[in-house]
């Protein structure tokens, strides 16, 4: 699918799913603004992506800070000469029994996973409207946006929120030709799942790797998901073939959660 001439912002783009998305959108022809907090990983990702011939810039930003998100969008548009797609991919996980979640922990995960998406949608929509662009807003949700999981309550609450925000924004922005959709991965072999597995072992006493293996064992297709599996679907959401789709949070998990 061609994204020639398009400019895409990908948050959390320095590694994992975000980097895979950036790589795929660049392969489709888009210019990419990589956004992340980790300056070293960001520089490495920019070097890697520019080495493929892609037009790319990197922007260090904290997505939980509204002013930084608006500045991020303006910087991307200025450096790359336009703005058509935002992938609100950045997020964090948390493994904690409900009874032990602290106020600081709850505030932090909602600041990143929920507020970060809200600020991203606001900034993108404002720029799309100002430019008269029929833009694409693509949010990172999860199977945890469709089903609650023990020990992951705070995380699930943020992803349920992203799902509802996606629906609301789709209805609000439709008149401007802006579509809003979300992708809902399952068990992806990334650093985030390594940390989830480690925390499950710490809290429950399970062996390292046991939680990951248990979740993978419930996947109908019989293997863990790769970042590329996710990126392939996001590519479709970013392209013109999905122009008539909005307000959806689509499960792409190899067959775990059926909705």
C-alpha atoms as a PDB file:
ATOM      1  CA  UNK A   1       0.000   0.000   0.000  1.00  0.00           C
ATOM      2  CA  UNK A   2       1.464   3.366  -0.977  1.00  0.00           C
ATOM      3  CA  UNK A   3       1.880   6.151   1.540  1.00  0.00           C
ATOM      4  CA  UNK A   4       4.022   8.215  -0.806  1.00  0.00           C
ATOM      5  CA  UNK A   5       3.963  11.875   0.167  1.00  0.00           C
ATOM      6  CA  UNK A   6       2.439  11.205   3.590  1.00  0.00           C
ATOM      7  CA  UNK A   7       3.991  12.204   6.912  1.00  0.00           C
ATOM      8  CA  UNK A   8       3.463   9.982   9.950  1.00  0.00           C
ATOM      9  CA  UNK A   9       4.257  10.620  13.609  1.00  0.00           C
ATOM     10  CA  UNK A  10       4.893   7.461  15.656  1.00  0.00           C
ATOM     11  CA  UNK A  11       5.165   7.806  19.423  1.00  0.00           C
ATOM     12  CA  UNK A  12       7.175   5.223  21.307  1.00  0.00           C
ATOM     13  CA  UNK A  13       8.935   4.792  17.988  1.00  0.00           C
ATOM     14  CA  UNK A  14      12.440   4.001  19.205  1.00  0.00           C
ATOM     15  CA  UNK A  15      11.896   0.292  19.818  1.00  0.00           C
ATOM     16  CA  UNK A  16       9.475  -2.624  19.858  1.00  0.00           C
ATOM     17  CA  UNK A  17       6.100  -2.242  18.205  1.00  0.00           C
ATOM     18  CA  UNK A  18       6.610   1.478  17.596  1.00  0.00           C
ATOM     19  CA  UNK A  19       9.842   0.948  15.678  1.00  0.00           C
ATOM     20  CA  UNK A  20       8.288  -1.864  13.637  1.00  0.00           C
ATOM     21  CA  UNK A  21       5.378   0.435  12.753  1.00  0.00           C
ATOM     22  CA  UNK A  22       7.770   3.211  11.748  1.00  0.00           C
ATOM     23  CA  UNK A  23       9.752   0.790   9.592  1.00  0.00           C
ATOM     24  CA  UNK A  24       6.637  -0.488   7.831  1.00  0.00           C
ATOM     25  CA  UNK A  25       5.152   2.964   7.194  1.00  0.00           C
ATOM     26  CA  UNK A  26       8.526   4.124   5.871  1.00  0.00           C
ATOM     27  CA  UNK A  27       8.659   1.082   3.563  1.00  0.00           C
ATOM     28  CA  UNK A  28       5.207   2.117   2.339  1.00  0.00           C
ATOM     29  CA  UNK A  29       6.649   5.512   1.383  1.00  0.00           C
ATOM     30  CA  UNK A  30       5.806   7.735   4.343  1.00  0.00           C
ATOM     31  CA  UNK A  31       8.181  10.217   5.942  1.00  0.00           C
ATOM     32  CA  UNK A  32       8.475   9.382   9.636  1.00  0.00           C
ATOM     33  CA  UNK A  33       8.778  11.442  12.800  1.00  0.00           C
ATOM     34  CA  UNK A  34      10.017   9.142  15.550  1.00  0.00           C
ATOM     35  CA  UNK A  35       9.008  10.239  19.043  1.00  0.00           C
ATOM     36  CA  UNK A  36      10.359   8.793  22.267  1.00  0.00           C
ATOM     37  CA  UNK A  37      11.755   9.679  25.686  1.00  0.00           C
ATOM     38  CA  UNK A  38      14.996   7.711  25.403  1.00  0.00           C
ATOM     39  CA  UNK A  39      17.407   9.906  23.455  1.00  0.00           C
ATOM     40  CA  UNK A  40      19.989   7.177  22.834  1.00  0.00           C
ATOM     41  CA  UNK A  41      17.451   4.674  21.502  1.00  0.00           C
ATOM     42  CA  UNK A  42      15.830   7.447  19.474  1.00  0.00           C
ATOM     43  CA  UNK A  43      19.111   8.350  17.792  1.00  0.00           C
ATOM     44  CA  UNK A  44      19.825   4.692  17.040  1.00  0.00           C
ATOM     45  CA  UNK A  45      16.354   4.196  15.540  1.00  0.00           C
ATOM     46  CA  UNK A  46      16.691   7.326  13.406  1.00  0.00           C
ATOM     47  CA  UNK A  47      20.042   6.141  12.066  1.00  0.00           C
ATOM     48  CA  UNK A  48      18.625   2.708  11.296  1.00  0.00           C
ATOM     49  CA  UNK A  49      15.567   4.085   9.521  1.00  0.00           C
ATOM     50  CA  UNK A  50      17.389   6.772   7.547  1.00  0.00           C
ATOM     51  CA  UNK A  51      19.801   4.060   6.382  1.00  0.00           C
ATOM     52  CA  UNK A  52      16.925   2.537   4.417  1.00  0.00           C
ATOM     53  CA  UNK A  53      16.504   5.739   2.457  1.00  0.00           C
ATOM     54  CA  UNK A  54      13.484   6.956   4.409  1.00  0.00           C
ATOM     55  CA  UNK A  55      12.922  10.603   5.246  1.00  0.00           C
ATOM     56  CA  UNK A  56      12.978  10.653   9.026  1.00  0.00           C
ATOM     57  CA  UNK A  57      13.376  12.975  11.977  1.00  0.00           C
ATOM     58  CA  UNK A  58      13.421  12.252  15.690  1.00  0.00           C
ATOM     59  CA  UNK A  59      11.768  14.239  18.449  1.00  0.00           C
ATOM     60  CA  UNK A  60      12.345  13.679  22.153  1.00  0.00           C
ATOM     61  CA  UNK A  61       9.065  14.227  23.996  1.00  0.00           C
ATOM     62  CA  UNK A  62       7.117  13.134  27.063  1.00  0.00           C
ATOM     63  CA  UNK A  63       3.640  12.289  25.811  1.00  0.00           C
ATOM     64  CA  UNK A  64       2.133  12.760  29.268  1.00  0.00           C
ATOM     65  CA  UNK A  65       2.901  16.506  28.906  1.00  0.00           C
ATOM     66  CA  UNK A  66       0.256  18.157  26.718  1.00  0.00           C
ATOM     67  CA  UNK A  67       2.458  21.066  25.662  1.00  0.00           C
ATOM     68  CA  UNK A  68       5.209  18.710  24.517  1.00  0.00           C
ATOM     69  CA  UNK A  69       2.754  16.693  22.421  1.00  0.00           C
ATOM     70  CA  UNK A  70       1.457  19.781  20.628  1.00  0.00           C
ATOM     71  CA  UNK A  71       5.051  20.939  20.064  1.00  0.00           C
ATOM     72  CA  UNK A  72       5.922  17.455  18.766  1.00  0.00           C
ATOM     73  CA  UNK A  73       3.248  17.614  16.067  1.00  0.00           C
ATOM     74  CA  UNK A  74       4.269  21.097  14.989  1.00  0.00           C
ATOM     75  CA  UNK A  75       7.933  20.090  14.884  1.00  0.00           C
ATOM     76  CA  UNK A  76       7.177  17.022  12.771  1.00  0.00           C
ATOM     77  CA  UNK A  77       5.070  19.024  10.327  1.00  0.00           C
ATOM     78  CA  UNK A  78       7.743  21.700  10.078  1.00  0.00           C
ATOM     79  CA  UNK A  79      10.656  19.330   9.563  1.00  0.00           C
ATOM     80  CA  UNK A  80       8.930  16.951   7.158  1.00  0.00           C
ATOM     81  CA  UNK A  81       6.696  19.378   5.285  1.00  0.00           C
ATOM     82  CA  UNK A  82       3.281  18.141   6.318  1.00  0.00           C
ATOM     83  CA  UNK A  83       1.316  15.915   8.641  1.00  0.00           C
ATOM     84  CA  UNK A  84      -1.154  13.159   7.733  1.00  0.00           C
ATOM     85  CA  UNK A  85      -0.992  10.302  10.259  1.00  0.00           C
ATOM     86  CA  UNK A  86      -0.416   9.962  13.979  1.00  0.00           C
ATOM     87  CA  UNK A  87       0.168   6.623  15.666  1.00  0.00           C
ATOM     88  CA  UNK A  88      -0.323   7.085  19.406  1.00  0.00           C
ATOM     89  CA  UNK A  89       1.695   3.979  20.193  1.00  0.00           C
ATOM     90  CA  UNK A  90       3.673   4.877  23.331  1.00  0.00           C
ATOM     91  CA  UNK A  91       2.554   3.229  26.544  1.00  0.00           C
ATOM     92  CA  UNK A  92       3.663   1.496  29.720  1.00  0.00           C
ATOM     93  CA  UNK A  93       2.542  -1.646  31.543  1.00  0.00           C
ATOM     94  CA  UNK A  94       2.016  -2.402  35.206  1.00  0.00           C
ATOM     95  CA  UNK A  95       1.614  -5.679  37.074  1.00  0.00           C
ATOM     96  CA  UNK A  96       0.090  -5.225  40.515  1.00  0.00           C
ATOM     97  CA  UNK A  97      -2.749  -6.758  42.531  1.00  0.00           C
ATOM     98  CA  UNK A  98      -5.684  -4.352  42.723  1.00  0.00           C
ATOM     99  CA  UNK A  99      -5.380  -4.157  46.511  1.00  0.00           C
ATOM    100  CA  UNK A 100      -1.796  -2.924  46.238  1.00  0.00           C
ATOM    101  CA  UNK A 101      -2.006  -0.296  43.485  1.00  0.00           C
ATOM    102  CA  UNK A 102      -0.767   3.027  44.846  1.00  0.00           C
ATOM    103  CA  UNK A 103      -2.042   6.466  43.932  1.00  0.00           C
ATOM    104  CA  UNK A 104       1.274   7.325  42.267  1.00  0.00           C
ATOM    105  CA  UNK A 105       1.208   4.123  40.202  1.00  0.00           C
ATOM    106  CA  UNK A 106      -2.354   4.754  39.054  1.00  0.00           C
ATOM    107  CA  UNK A 107      -1.597   8.358  38.192  1.00  0.00           C
ATOM    108  CA  UNK A 108       1.532   7.447  36.238  1.00  0.00           C
ATOM    109  CA  UNK A 109      -0.002   4.770  34.024  1.00  0.00           C
ATOM    110  CA  UNK A 110      -3.040   6.919  33.252  1.00  0.00           C
ATOM    111  CA  UNK A 111      -0.834   9.928  32.519  1.00  0.00           C
ATOM    112  CA  UNK A 112       1.027   8.002  29.833  1.00  0.00           C
ATOM    113  CA  UNK A 113      -1.524   5.540  28.445  1.00  0.00           C
ATOM    114  CA  UNK A 114      -4.654   7.696  28.595  1.00  0.00           C
ATOM    115  CA  UNK A 115      -3.641  11.350  28.750  1.00  0.00           C
ATOM    116  CA  UNK A 116      -0.907  10.726  26.192  1.00  0.00           C
ATOM    117  CA  UNK A 117      -3.504   9.434  23.742  1.00  0.00           C
ATOM    118  CA  UNK A 118      -5.879  12.327  24.452  1.00  0.00           C
ATOM    119  CA  UNK A 119      -3.140  14.914  23.895  1.00  0.00           C
ATOM    120  CA  UNK A 120      -2.051  13.109  20.724  1.00  0.00           C
ATOM    121  CA  UNK A 121      -5.584  13.125  19.331  1.00  0.00           C
ATOM    122  CA  UNK A 122      -6.069  16.770  20.253  1.00  0.00           C
ATOM    123  CA  UNK A 123      -2.813  17.903  18.679  1.00  0.00           C
ATOM    124  CA  UNK A 124      -3.340  15.843  15.545  1.00  0.00           C
ATOM    125  CA  UNK A 125      -6.932  16.938  15.035  1.00  0.00           C
ATOM    126  CA  UNK A 126      -6.051  20.605  15.545  1.00  0.00           C
ATOM    127  CA  UNK A 127      -3.339  20.438  12.907  1.00  0.00           C
ATOM    128  CA  UNK A 128      -5.461  18.363  10.498  1.00  0.00           C
ATOM    129  CA  UNK A 129      -8.302  20.875  10.760  1.00  0.00           C
ATOM    130  CA  UNK A 130      -5.983  23.843  10.300  1.00  0.00           C
ATOM    131  CA  UNK A 131      -4.462  22.259   7.183  1.00  0.00           C
ATOM    132  CA  UNK A 132      -7.738  20.856   5.824  1.00  0.00           C
ATOM    133  CA  UNK A 133      -6.232  17.356   5.959  1.00  0.00           C
ATOM    134  CA  UNK A 134      -8.409  14.261   6.102  1.00  0.00           C
ATOM    135  CA  UNK A 135      -5.989  12.733   8.559  1.00  0.00           C
ATOM    136  CA  UNK A 136      -5.644   9.389  10.279  1.00  0.00           C
ATOM    137  CA  UNK A 137      -5.481   8.969  14.061  1.00  0.00           C
ATOM    138  CA  UNK A 138      -4.394   5.476  15.117  1.00  0.00           C
ATOM    139  CA  UNK A 139      -4.298   4.552  18.798  1.00  0.00           C
ATOM    140  CA  UNK A 140      -2.605   1.692  20.615  1.00  0.00           C
ATOM    141  CA  UNK A 141      -5.106  -0.345  22.601  1.00  0.00           C
ATOM    142  CA  UNK A 142      -4.766  -4.043  23.489  1.00  0.00           C
ATOM    143  CA  UNK A 143      -6.696  -7.234  24.073  1.00  0.00           C
ATOM    144  CA  UNK A 144      -6.795  -5.649  27.552  1.00  0.00           C
ATOM    145  CA  UNK A 145      -9.214  -3.115  26.035  1.00  0.00           C
ATOM    146  CA  UNK A 146     -11.705  -5.953  25.549  1.00  0.00           C
ATOM    147  CA  UNK A 147     -11.101  -8.179  28.558  1.00  0.00           C
ATOM    148  CA  UNK A 148      -9.836  -7.574  32.092  1.00  0.00           C
ATOM    149  CA  UNK A 149      -6.929  -9.653  33.362  1.00  0.00           C
ATOM    150  CA  UNK A 150      -5.890 -10.348  36.952  1.00  0.00           C
ATOM    151  CA  UNK A 151      -2.772  -8.500  38.103  1.00  0.00           C
ATOM    152  CA  UNK A 152      -3.155  -6.114  35.159  1.00  0.00           C
ATOM    153  CA  UNK A 153      -6.127  -4.088  36.382  1.00  0.00           C
ATOM    154  CA  UNK A 154      -4.552  -0.650  36.093  1.00  0.00           C
ATOM    155  CA  UNK A 155      -3.207  -1.419  32.630  1.00  0.00           C
ATOM    156  CA  UNK A 156      -6.549  -2.821  31.501  1.00  0.00           C
ATOM    157  CA  UNK A 157      -8.343   0.275  32.764  1.00  0.00           C
ATOM    158  CA  UNK A 158      -6.149   2.461  30.545  1.00  0.00           C
ATOM    159  CA  UNK A 159      -6.753   0.355  27.466  1.00  0.00           C
ATOM    160  CA  UNK A 160     -10.520   0.227  28.015  1.00  0.00           C
ATOM    161  CA  UNK A 161     -10.257   4.026  28.210  1.00  0.00           C
ATOM    162  CA  UNK A 162      -8.381   4.186  24.901  1.00  0.00           C
ATOM    163  CA  UNK A 163     -11.093   2.105  23.277  1.00  0.00           C
ATOM    164  CA  UNK A 164     -13.851   4.448  24.456  1.00  0.00           C
ATOM    165  CA  UNK A 165     -11.829   7.545  23.579  1.00  0.00           C
ATOM    166  CA  UNK A 166     -11.341   6.148  20.093  1.00  0.00           C
ATOM    167  CA  UNK A 167     -15.101   5.753  19.651  1.00  0.00           C
ATOM    168  CA  UNK A 168     -15.868   9.234  20.976  1.00  0.00           C
ATOM    169  CA  UNK A 169     -13.177  10.928  18.907  1.00  0.00           C
ATOM    170  CA  UNK A 170     -14.305   9.116  15.761  1.00  0.00           C
ATOM    171  CA  UNK A 171     -17.786  10.562  16.180  1.00  0.00           C
ATOM    172  CA  UNK A 172     -16.516  14.054  16.968  1.00  0.00           C
ATOM    173  CA  UNK A 173     -13.981  14.296  14.131  1.00  0.00           C
ATOM    174  CA  UNK A 174     -15.911  12.521  11.372  1.00  0.00           C
ATOM    175  CA  UNK A 175     -17.368  15.742   9.966  1.00  0.00           C
ATOM    176  CA  UNK A 176     -13.810  16.930   9.292  1.00  0.00           C
ATOM    177  CA  UNK A 177     -12.936  13.735   7.421  1.00  0.00           C
ATOM    178  CA  UNK A 178     -10.627  12.543  10.196  1.00  0.00           C
ATOM    179  CA  UNK A 179     -10.770   8.839  11.031  1.00  0.00           C
ATOM    180  CA  UNK A 180      -9.879   7.406  14.430  1.00  0.00           C
ATOM    181  CA  UNK A 181      -9.185   3.717  14.990  1.00  0.00           C
ATOM    182  CA  UNK A 182      -7.232   1.531  17.396  1.00  0.00           C
ATOM    183  CA  UNK A 183      -5.239  -1.679  17.152  1.00  0.00           C
ATOM    184  CA  UNK A 184      -5.426  -4.280  19.908  1.00  0.00           C
ATOM    185  CA  UNK A 185      -2.413  -6.620  20.011  1.00  0.00           C
ATOM    186  CA  UNK A 186      -2.099  -9.668  22.229  1.00  0.00           C
ATOM    187  CA  UNK A 187       1.122 -11.226  23.487  1.00  0.00           C
ATOM    188  CA  UNK A 188       3.955  -9.556  21.595  1.00  0.00           C
ATOM    189  CA  UNK A 189       7.566 -10.594  22.115  1.00  0.00           C
ATOM    190  CA  UNK A 190       8.889  -7.193  23.230  1.00  0.00           C
ATOM    191  CA  UNK A 191      10.664  -5.680  26.218  1.00  0.00           C
ATOM    192  CA  UNK A 192       7.262  -4.780  27.673  1.00  0.00           C
ATOM    193  CA  UNK A 193       6.240  -8.434  27.841  1.00  0.00           C
ATOM    194  CA  UNK A 194       9.618  -9.358  29.294  1.00  0.00           C
ATOM    195  CA  UNK A 195       8.909  -6.912  32.110  1.00  0.00           C
ATOM    196  CA  UNK A 196       5.325  -8.160  32.560  1.00  0.00           C
ATOM    197  CA  UNK A 197       6.616 -11.723  32.838  1.00  0.00           C
ATOM    198  CA  UNK A 198       9.292 -10.673  35.346  1.00  0.00           C
ATOM    199  CA  UNK A 199       6.757  -8.853  37.495  1.00  0.00           C
ATOM    200  CA  UNK A 200       4.355 -11.807  37.459  1.00  0.00           C
ATOM    201  CA  UNK A 201       7.211 -13.998  38.664  1.00  0.00           C
ATOM    202  CA  UNK A 202       8.034 -11.503  41.400  1.00  0.00           C
ATOM    203  CA  UNK A 203       4.449 -11.105  42.610  1.00  0.00           C
ATOM    204  CA  UNK A 204       3.151 -14.661  42.193  1.00  0.00           C
ATOM    205  CA  UNK A 205       6.280 -16.758  42.603  1.00  0.00           C
ATOM    206  CA  UNK A 206       5.981 -18.208  39.102  1.00  0.00           C
ATOM    207  CA  UNK A 207       9.162 -19.077  37.248  1.00  0.00           C
ATOM    208  CA  UNK A 208      10.557 -16.556  34.779  1.00  0.00           C
ATOM    209  CA  UNK A 209       8.976 -17.320  31.415  1.00  0.00           C
ATOM    210  CA  UNK A 210       6.035 -19.255  32.852  1.00  0.00           C
ATOM    211  CA  UNK A 211       3.503 -16.426  32.528  1.00  0.00           C
ATOM    212  CA  UNK A 212       4.578 -15.644  28.979  1.00  0.00           C
ATOM    213  CA  UNK A 213       4.334 -19.319  28.040  1.00  0.00           C
ATOM    214  CA  UNK A 214       0.894 -19.603  29.656  1.00  0.00           C
ATOM    215  CA  UNK A 215      -0.471 -16.690  27.645  1.00  0.00           C
ATOM    216  CA  UNK A 216       1.137 -17.926  24.418  1.00  0.00           C
ATOM    217  CA  UNK A 217      -0.401 -21.338  25.035  1.00  0.00           C
ATOM    218  CA  UNK A 218      -3.859 -19.803  24.629  1.00  0.00           C
ATOM    219  CA  UNK A 219      -3.120 -18.378  21.162  1.00  0.00           C
ATOM    220  CA  UNK A 220      -4.953 -20.291  18.441  1.00  0.00           C
ATOM    221  CA  UNK A 221      -2.220 -19.731  15.868  1.00  0.00           C
ATOM    222  CA  UNK A 222       0.283 -21.274  18.254  1.00  0.00           C
ATOM    223  CA  UNK A 223       3.003 -18.639  18.447  1.00  0.00           C
ATOM    224  CA  UNK A 224       3.671 -15.298  20.126  1.00  0.00           C
ATOM    225  CA  UNK A 225       2.960 -12.180  18.122  1.00  0.00           C
ATOM    226  CA  UNK A 226       5.774 -10.187  16.535  1.00  0.00           C
ATOM    227  CA  UNK A 227       5.971  -6.401  16.226  1.00  0.00           C
ATOM    228  CA  UNK A 228       5.778  -6.894  12.458  1.00  0.00           C
ATOM    229  CA  UNK A 229       2.391  -8.618  12.832  1.00  0.00           C
ATOM    230  CA  UNK A 230       1.111  -5.448  14.474  1.00  0.00           C
ATOM    231  CA  UNK A 231       2.832  -3.098  12.037  1.00  0.00           C
ATOM    232  CA  UNK A 232       1.269  -4.840   9.041  1.00  0.00           C
ATOM    233  CA  UNK A 233      -2.211  -4.049  10.345  1.00  0.00           C
ATOM    234  CA  UNK A 234      -1.328  -0.469  11.297  1.00  0.00           C
ATOM    235  CA  UNK A 235      -0.102  -0.004   7.724  1.00  0.00           C
ATOM    236  CA  UNK A 236      -3.600  -0.844   6.513  1.00  0.00           C
ATOM    237  CA  UNK A 237      -5.157   1.589   9.003  1.00  0.00           C
ATOM    238  CA  UNK A 238      -2.779   4.301   7.788  1.00  0.00           C
ATOM    239  CA  UNK A 239      -3.610   3.785   4.113  1.00  0.00           C
ATOM    240  CA  UNK A 240      -6.509   4.679   1.878  1.00  0.00           C
ATOM    241  CA  UNK A 241      -8.054   1.194   1.930  1.00  0.00           C
ATOM    242  CA  UNK A 242      -9.320   1.900   5.473  1.00  0.00           C
ATOM    243  CA  UNK A 243     -10.863   5.286   4.625  1.00  0.00           C
ATOM    244  CA  UNK A 244     -14.411   4.094   5.369  1.00  0.00           C
ATOM    245  CA  UNK A 245     -13.519   2.664   8.766  1.00  0.00           C
ATOM    246  CA  UNK A 246     -13.645   4.707  11.962  1.00  0.00           C
ATOM    247  CA  UNK A 247     -14.283   4.240  15.679  1.00  0.00           C
ATOM    248  CA  UNK A 248     -13.055   0.651  15.764  1.00  0.00           C
ATOM    249  CA  UNK A 249     -10.668  -1.083  18.166  1.00  0.00           C
ATOM    250  CA  UNK A 250      -9.641  -4.181  16.235  1.00  0.00           C
ATOM    251  CA  UNK A 251      -8.239  -7.260  17.946  1.00  0.00           C
ATOM    252  CA  UNK A 252      -5.163  -8.663  16.219  1.00  0.00           C
ATOM    253  CA  UNK A 253      -3.868 -11.339  18.577  1.00  0.00           C
ATOM    254  CA  UNK A 254      -3.533 -14.623  16.690  1.00  0.00           C
ATOM    255  CA  UNK A 255      -6.770 -15.889  18.218  1.00  0.00           C
ATOM    256  CA  UNK A 256      -7.020 -15.223  21.968  1.00  0.00           C
ATOM    257  CA  UNK A 257      -9.904 -12.811  22.493  1.00  0.00           C
ATOM    258  CA  UNK A 258     -12.930 -13.119  20.220  1.00  0.00           C
ATOM    259  CA  UNK A 259     -15.189 -10.098  19.822  1.00  0.00           C
END
